[in-house]
Amino acid sequence: MRKTKKSVEAVVKDIKRKTRRKFSAEEKIRINIISIYKKDDES
């Protein structure tokens, strides 16, 4: 039995989904705090 071919876009999305970086809750909070400080520095 032969698999059907996926489109190039589907293959790329699949690879990105599998290799996507996963952030812990602490990392998400740290990233948000850093972005808030950067916005304050600009204004």
C-alpha atoms as a PDB file:
ATOM      1  CA  MET A   1       0.000   0.000   0.000  1.00  0.00           C
ATOM      2  CA  ARG A   2       1.281   3.440  -0.933  1.00  0.00           C
ATOM      3  CA  LYS A   3       0.823   6.679   0.992  1.00  0.00           C
ATOM      4  CA  THR A   4      -0.562   9.649  -0.835  1.00  0.00           C
ATOM      5  CA  LYS A   5       1.831  12.535  -1.354  1.00  0.00           C
ATOM      6  CA  LYS A   6       1.449  15.559   0.876  1.00  0.00           C
ATOM      7  CA  SER A   7       1.758  19.040  -0.476  1.00  0.00           C
ATOM      8  CA  VAL A   8       5.000  20.858   0.266  1.00  0.00           C
ATOM      9  CA  GLU A   9       3.179  23.290   2.555  1.00  0.00           C
ATOM     10  CA  ALA A  10       1.707  20.427   4.578  1.00  0.00           C
ATOM     11  CA  VAL A  11       5.135  18.840   5.015  1.00  0.00           C
ATOM     12  CA  VAL A  12       6.679  22.139   6.142  1.00  0.00           C
ATOM     13  CA  LYS A  13       3.835  22.797   8.604  1.00  0.00           C
ATOM     14  CA  ASP A  14       4.174  19.267   9.974  1.00  0.00           C
ATOM     15  CA  ILE A  15       7.928  19.693  10.530  1.00  0.00           C
ATOM     16  CA  LYS A  16       7.437  23.081  12.198  1.00  0.00           C
ATOM     17  CA  ARG A  17       4.734  21.641  14.447  1.00  0.00           C
ATOM     18  CA  LYS A  18       6.966  18.771  15.575  1.00  0.00           C
ATOM     19  CA  THR A  19      10.054  20.946  16.144  1.00  0.00           C
ATOM     20  CA  ARG A  20       8.274  23.913  17.717  1.00  0.00           C
ATOM     21  CA  ARG A  21       9.898  25.091  20.936  1.00  0.00           C
ATOM     22  CA  LYS A  22       7.822  24.518  24.046  1.00  0.00           C
ATOM     23  CA  PHE A  23       8.035  27.132  26.791  1.00  0.00           C
ATOM     24  CA  SER A  24       7.354  26.464  30.455  1.00  0.00           C
ATOM     25  CA  ALA A  25       5.001  28.750  32.377  1.00  0.00           C
ATOM     26  CA  GLU A  26       7.959  30.514  33.984  1.00  0.00           C
ATOM     27  CA  GLU A  27       9.575  31.178  30.605  1.00  0.00           C
ATOM     28  CA  LYS A  28       6.319  32.603  29.216  1.00  0.00           C
ATOM     29  CA  ILE A  29       6.030  34.989  32.171  1.00  0.00           C
ATOM     30  CA  ARG A  30       9.682  36.055  31.812  1.00  0.00           C
ATOM     31  CA  ILE A  31       9.252  36.713  28.079  1.00  0.00           C
ATOM     32  CA  ASN A  32       6.158  38.841  28.739  1.00  0.00           C
ATOM     33  CA  ILE A  33       7.871  40.857  31.463  1.00  0.00           C
ATOM     34  CA  ILE A  34      10.855  41.531  29.193  1.00  0.00           C
ATOM     35  CA  SER A  35       8.563  42.677  26.373  1.00  0.00           C
ATOM     36  CA  ILE A  36       6.690  45.018  28.746  1.00  0.00           C
ATOM     37  CA  TYR A  37       9.979  46.573  29.895  1.00  0.00           C
ATOM     38  CA  LYS A  38      11.073  47.060  26.274  1.00  0.00           C
ATOM     39  CA  LYS A  39       7.796  48.820  25.442  1.00  0.00           C
ATOM     40  CA  ASP A  40       8.253  51.131  28.449  1.00  0.00           C
ATOM     41  CA  ASP A  41      11.800  51.991  27.334  1.00  0.00           C
ATOM     42  CA  GLU A  42      10.585  53.032  23.881  1.00  0.00           C
ATOM     43  CA  SER A  43       7.972  55.469  25.165  1.00  0.00           C
END
